[in-house]
Amino acid sequence: MIDVSKLATPGSIEETLLEKIDLKRLPRHVAVIMDGNGRWARARSLPRVEGHRAGIASVRETVETGARLELGVMTLYAFSVENWKRPRIEVMTLMMLLKEYLRKELATLMDNNIRFVPIGRIDGLDPTVQRELRYAEEKTAGNTGLLFQIALNYGGRAEIVDTCNRIMAFLREKEMSDAVIDEAFFSDHLYTANVDDPDLLIRTSGELRVSNFLLWQIAYAEIHVTKVLWPDFRRRHLFEAIVDFQSRERRYGAVEPGESADREMFVEAEDGT
């Protein structure tokens, strides 16, 4: 049972939004493209890295809220394979902030029963970062609440390429050259194997693109775009995204029950029958 008292202060905007949410129809998996750190810093005449630093508070509140809502999975896009093109000092600072977050927030993850798993080309990160990631993953492995996936050195196309190579290696090892690969088999070899695909994809900063994020997995995700810059993203913005999500009709390529019948009547009228 979700304890709503931990999610909103009486009389607050959060409480008003929470009243609009059907807690029985929450998205199972929420994915977030965290964007706008640089613009947030520039608007305050600060270095870009200060935007990344400010974004840590947004990560904390968003993940904790996801855990308290008893969501199944939350995946945050933290560092892409393309981000290596950024200035070296910015990349170094991002990695430092990541290690700092893992050290400081591990107790919070444990207190909220959150399981932490990094996804992406993790072996391409600095060994000191890899050690921190492995430690946090191992310490939280027994937690049974929210699965918090953080995408690092990640790219949707890179994941698909890695999946193809992983499948080829598996088939060679098993001597299964005549095996037929279907969507389920392919999904079982993604970074996100055995995890539900996102129902809701949130993009901050108002940009209308998916930025090479979970390209296979978001095939039927509902997309919510907010103009809020990531460092300003808070619990109420997550609630707004969920309210928007629950207002959508999810058809997965099908039609409403009455629509097919209406179409048949239209065809019959054209045929004169």
Protein backbone atom coordinates (compact mmCIF):
# COMPACT_ATOMS: atom_id res chain seq x y z
CA MET A 1 0.00 0.00 0.00
CA ILE A 2 1.40 3.37 -1.09
CA ASP A 3 1.77 5.82 1.80
CA VAL A 4 0.61 9.07 0.18
CA SER A 5 1.46 11.03 3.34
CA LYS A 6 5.13 10.75 2.34
CA LEU A 7 4.45 12.12 -1.14
CA ALA A 8 2.72 15.45 -0.56
CA THR A 9 2.20 18.14 2.05
CA PRO A 10 -1.48 18.92 2.75
CA GLY A 11 -2.65 21.86 0.64
CA SER A 12 0.37 21.70 -1.69
CA ILE A 13 0.48 21.54 -5.48
CA GLU A 14 1.83 18.01 -5.09
CA GLU A 15 -1.28 16.98 -3.14
CA THR A 16 -3.58 18.42 -5.83
CA LEU A 17 -1.72 16.51 -8.53
CA LEU A 18 -1.58 13.34 -6.46
CA GLU A 19 -5.37 13.40 -6.14
CA LYS A 20 -5.59 13.25 -9.95
CA ILE A 21 -3.39 10.13 -10.15
CA ASP A 22 -4.91 6.66 -10.22
CA LEU A 23 -2.44 4.78 -8.03
CA LYS A 24 -3.64 1.51 -9.53
CA ARG A 25 -2.62 2.55 -13.06
CA LEU A 26 0.90 3.82 -12.54
CA PRO A 27 3.50 3.27 -15.27
CA ARG A 28 5.61 0.21 -14.51
CA HIS A 29 8.77 1.75 -15.96
CA VAL A 30 9.58 5.46 -16.20
CA ALA A 31 12.59 6.54 -18.27
CA VAL A 32 14.00 10.07 -18.08
CA ILE A 33 16.22 12.04 -20.43
CA MET A 34 17.79 14.53 -18.02
CA ASP A 35 18.48 17.63 -20.10
CA GLY A 36 19.08 21.32 -19.47
CA ASN A 37 21.92 21.38 -16.93
CA GLY A 38 24.06 23.59 -19.14
CA ARG A 39 21.27 26.05 -19.88
CA TRP A 40 20.34 26.20 -16.20
CA ALA A 41 23.92 27.18 -15.34
CA ARG A 42 24.25 29.63 -18.22
CA ALA A 43 21.07 31.45 -17.15
CA ARG A 44 22.76 32.03 -13.78
CA SER A 45 26.16 32.96 -15.27
CA LEU A 46 27.67 29.82 -13.74
CA PRO A 47 30.02 27.20 -15.22
CA ARG A 48 28.24 24.26 -16.89
CA VAL A 49 29.50 21.89 -14.20
CA GLU A 50 27.40 23.76 -11.63
CA GLY A 51 24.33 22.75 -13.58
CA HIS A 52 25.38 19.11 -13.32
CA ARG A 53 25.98 19.54 -9.61
CA ALA A 54 22.53 21.10 -9.13
CA GLY A 55 20.99 18.22 -11.06
CA ILE A 56 21.98 15.75 -8.33
CA ALA A 57 19.15 17.05 -6.11
CA SER A 58 16.71 16.33 -8.94
CA VAL A 59 18.02 12.78 -9.25
CA ARG A 60 17.61 12.24 -5.52
CA GLU A 61 14.03 13.54 -5.34
CA THR A 62 12.89 11.84 -8.53
CA VAL A 63 14.27 8.43 -7.60
CA GLU A 64 13.01 8.61 -4.02
CA THR A 65 9.56 9.60 -5.29
CA GLY A 66 9.58 6.69 -7.72
CA ALA A 67 10.39 4.35 -4.85
CA ARG A 68 7.61 5.77 -2.65
CA LEU A 69 5.13 5.44 -5.53
CA GLU A 70 6.23 1.80 -5.72
CA LEU A 71 7.12 2.04 -9.39
CA GLY A 72 8.82 -1.03 -10.80
CA VAL A 73 11.67 0.57 -12.75
CA MET A 74 13.16 4.02 -13.27
CA THR A 75 15.94 4.59 -15.83
CA LEU A 76 17.85 7.87 -15.97
CA TYR A 77 20.04 8.89 -18.91
CA ALA A 78 23.18 10.27 -17.28
CA PHE A 79 26.03 10.07 -19.80
CA SER A 80 25.88 9.11 -23.47
CA VAL A 81 28.55 7.65 -25.73
CA GLU A 82 28.49 11.02 -27.52
CA ASN A 83 29.20 12.95 -24.32
CA TRP A 84 32.91 12.07 -24.54
CA LYS A 85 33.09 14.90 -27.12
CA ARG A 86 32.54 17.44 -24.34
CA PRO A 87 35.46 19.36 -22.80
CA ARG A 88 37.73 17.07 -20.77
CA ILE A 89 37.27 19.04 -17.56
CA GLU A 90 33.47 18.73 -17.86
CA VAL A 91 33.69 14.96 -18.37
CA MET A 92 36.06 14.60 -15.41
CA THR A 93 33.71 16.64 -13.23
CA LEU A 94 30.72 14.54 -14.29
CA MET A 95 32.55 11.36 -13.27
CA MET A 96 33.59 12.92 -9.98
CA LEU A 97 30.00 13.92 -9.26
CA LEU A 98 28.83 10.40 -10.11
CA LYS A 99 31.24 8.86 -7.61
CA GLU A 100 30.24 11.47 -5.02
CA TYR A 101 26.56 10.68 -5.58
CA LEU A 102 27.10 6.94 -5.16
CA ARG A 103 29.02 7.39 -1.92
CA LYS A 104 26.58 9.86 -0.39
CA GLU A 105 23.34 8.30 -1.57
CA LEU A 106 24.04 4.62 -0.92
CA ALA A 107 22.42 4.81 2.51
CA THR A 108 19.36 6.48 0.97
CA LEU A 109 19.11 3.74 -1.65
CA MET A 110 19.23 1.13 1.10
CA ASP A 111 16.70 2.96 3.29
CA ASN A 112 14.25 3.12 0.36
CA ASN A 113 14.78 -0.53 -0.69
CA ILE A 114 16.10 0.62 -4.10
CA ARG A 115 18.17 -1.72 -6.28
CA PHE A 116 20.80 0.10 -8.33
CA VAL A 117 22.03 -1.18 -11.72
CA PRO A 118 24.18 0.71 -14.25
CA ILE A 119 23.60 0.00 -17.96
CA GLY A 120 25.73 0.88 -20.97
CA ARG A 121 29.35 0.28 -21.95
CA ILE A 122 30.46 0.33 -18.33
CA ASP A 123 33.84 -1.25 -19.10
CA GLY A 124 34.70 1.93 -21.05
CA LEU A 125 34.57 4.08 -17.92
CA ASP A 126 37.48 4.91 -15.65
CA PRO A 127 38.34 1.98 -13.32
CA THR A 128 37.66 4.11 -10.24
CA VAL A 129 34.14 4.81 -11.53
CA GLN A 130 33.61 1.14 -12.33
CA ARG A 131 34.56 0.19 -8.77
CA GLU A 132 32.03 2.61 -7.27
CA LEU A 133 29.31 1.36 -9.62
CA ARG A 134 30.02 -2.29 -8.83
CA TYR A 135 30.06 -1.60 -5.09
CA ALA A 136 26.69 0.17 -5.18
CA GLU A 137 25.21 -2.56 -7.38
CA GLU A 138 26.44 -5.33 -5.07
CA LYS A 139 25.32 -3.57 -1.87
CA THR A 140 21.79 -2.99 -3.20
CA ALA A 141 21.41 -6.34 -4.99
CA GLY A 142 19.16 -7.76 -2.28
CA ASN A 143 16.72 -4.82 -2.33
CA THR A 144 13.26 -5.62 -3.65
CA GLY A 145 11.73 -2.20 -4.34
CA LEU A 146 12.35 0.17 -7.23
CA LEU A 147 14.95 -0.91 -9.80
CA PHE A 148 16.98 2.24 -10.49
CA GLN A 149 18.92 1.94 -13.74
CA ILE A 150 21.41 4.63 -14.64
CA ALA A 151 22.56 4.77 -18.27
CA LEU A 152 26.28 5.58 -18.50
CA ASN A 153 28.47 5.57 -21.59
CA TYR A 154 25.18 4.59 -23.18
CA GLY A 155 23.75 4.89 -26.68
CA GLY A 156 20.66 3.24 -28.12
CA ARG A 157 22.42 2.33 -31.37
CA ALA A 158 25.46 1.11 -29.44
CA GLU A 159 23.19 -1.12 -27.35
CA ILE A 160 21.64 -2.66 -30.48
CA VAL A 161 25.11 -3.28 -31.96
CA ASP A 162 26.32 -4.79 -28.68
CA THR A 163 23.21 -6.97 -28.54
CA CYS A 164 23.84 -8.29 -32.06
CA ASN A 165 27.43 -9.12 -31.18
CA ARG A 166 26.34 -10.75 -27.93
CA ILE A 167 23.81 -12.91 -29.77
CA MET A 168 26.37 -13.91 -32.42
CA ALA A 169 28.83 -14.94 -29.71
CA PHE A 170 26.11 -16.91 -27.90
CA LEU A 171 25.06 -18.75 -31.07
CA ARG A 172 28.67 -19.61 -31.94
CA GLU A 173 29.28 -20.93 -28.43
CA LYS A 174 26.11 -23.06 -28.54
CA GLU A 175 26.70 -24.08 -32.18
CA MET A 176 23.23 -22.84 -33.11
CA SER A 177 23.90 -21.40 -36.56
CA ASP A 178 20.35 -22.21 -37.72
CA ALA A 179 18.63 -20.50 -34.77
CA VAL A 180 15.76 -18.12 -35.54
CA ILE A 181 15.98 -14.77 -33.74
CA ASP A 182 12.67 -13.19 -32.78
CA GLU A 183 11.93 -10.00 -30.81
CA ALA A 184 11.75 -11.80 -27.47
CA PHE A 185 15.12 -13.47 -28.02
CA PHE A 186 16.66 -10.14 -29.04
CA SER A 187 15.22 -8.38 -25.98
CA ASP A 188 16.71 -11.04 -23.73
CA HIS A 189 20.20 -9.92 -24.81
CA LEU A 190 19.76 -6.16 -24.36
CA TYR A 191 21.33 -4.28 -21.45
CA THR A 192 17.80 -4.22 -20.02
CA ALA A 193 17.08 -7.95 -20.33
CA ASN A 194 14.25 -9.16 -18.07
CA VAL A 195 13.08 -5.58 -17.43
CA ASP A 196 9.73 -4.22 -18.63
CA ASP A 197 10.01 -1.69 -21.46
CA PRO A 198 9.30 1.93 -20.46
CA ASP A 199 5.64 2.92 -20.38
CA LEU A 200 6.55 6.59 -19.93
CA LEU A 201 9.50 8.56 -21.31
CA ILE A 202 10.06 12.00 -19.79
CA ARG A 203 12.19 14.58 -21.58
CA THR A 204 13.15 17.77 -19.75
CA SER A 205 14.17 21.17 -21.20
CA GLY A 206 11.54 21.17 -23.95
CA GLU A 207 13.63 19.42 -26.60
CA LEU A 208 11.63 17.17 -28.96
CA ARG A 209 14.02 14.29 -29.58
CA VAL A 210 14.85 10.96 -27.96
CA SER A 211 18.63 11.48 -28.17
CA ASN A 212 19.61 7.88 -28.92
CA PHE A 213 18.06 6.63 -25.67
CA LEU A 214 16.52 3.15 -25.30
CA LEU A 215 15.66 3.07 -29.01
CA TRP A 216 14.45 -0.54 -28.96
CA GLN A 217 12.66 -0.30 -25.62
CA ILE A 218 10.61 2.89 -26.16
CA ALA A 219 8.74 1.57 -29.20
CA TYR A 220 5.37 2.04 -27.45
CA ALA A 221 6.31 4.44 -24.66
CA GLU A 222 4.18 7.51 -24.05
CA ILE A 223 6.40 10.60 -24.34
CA HIS A 224 6.00 13.54 -21.98
CA VAL A 225 8.03 16.68 -22.72
CA THR A 226 8.39 19.43 -20.13
CA LYS A 227 10.13 22.78 -20.57
CA VAL A 228 11.48 22.50 -17.03
CA LEU A 229 15.28 22.26 -16.99
CA TRP A 230 16.58 19.17 -15.19
CA PRO A 231 18.04 20.95 -12.11
CA ASP A 232 14.55 22.41 -11.48
CA PHE A 233 12.72 19.09 -11.95
CA ARG A 234 10.98 18.02 -8.76
CA ARG A 235 8.31 15.66 -7.46
CA ARG A 236 5.43 17.73 -8.79
CA HIS A 237 6.85 17.55 -12.31
CA LEU A 238 6.96 13.76 -12.07
CA PHE A 239 3.34 13.82 -10.90
CA GLU A 240 2.44 16.03 -13.89
CA ALA A 241 4.06 13.52 -16.23
CA ILE A 242 2.10 10.65 -14.67
CA VAL A 243 -1.18 12.58 -14.90
CA ASP A 244 -0.42 13.20 -18.59
CA PHE A 245 0.46 9.51 -19.06
CA GLN A 246 -2.84 8.41 -17.54
CA SER A 247 -4.78 10.70 -19.87
CA ARG A 248 -3.51 8.81 -22.93
CA GLU A 249 -5.24 5.89 -24.68
CA ARG A 250 -2.65 3.14 -25.13
CA ARG A 251 -3.64 1.02 -28.14
CA TYR A 252 -0.38 -0.66 -29.18
CA GLY A 253 -1.46 -0.49 -32.82
CA ALA A 254 -5.03 -1.67 -32.21
CA VAL A 255 -8.25 0.37 -32.44
CA GLU A 256 -11.11 1.16 -30.13
CA PRO A 257 -13.74 -1.63 -29.97
CA GLY A 258 -16.33 0.42 -31.88
CA GLU A 259 -13.98 1.65 -34.59
CA SER A 260 -13.63 -1.65 -36.46
CA ALA A 261 -17.41 -2.03 -36.57
CA ASP A 262 -17.81 1.53 -37.85
CA ARG A 263 -15.30 0.77 -40.60
CA GLU A 264 -17.18 -2.37 -41.66
CA MET A 265 -20.44 -0.40 -41.89
CA PHE A 266 -18.68 2.23 -44.01
CA VAL A 267 -17.38 -0.42 -46.44
CA GLU A 268 -20.81 -2.03 -46.67
CA ALA A 269 -22.40 1.36 -47.47
CA GLU A 270 -19.84 1.92 -50.25
CA ASP A 271 -20.64 -1.51 -51.71
CA GLY A 272 -24.36 -0.81 -51.58
CA THR A 273 -25.04 -3.81 -49.37
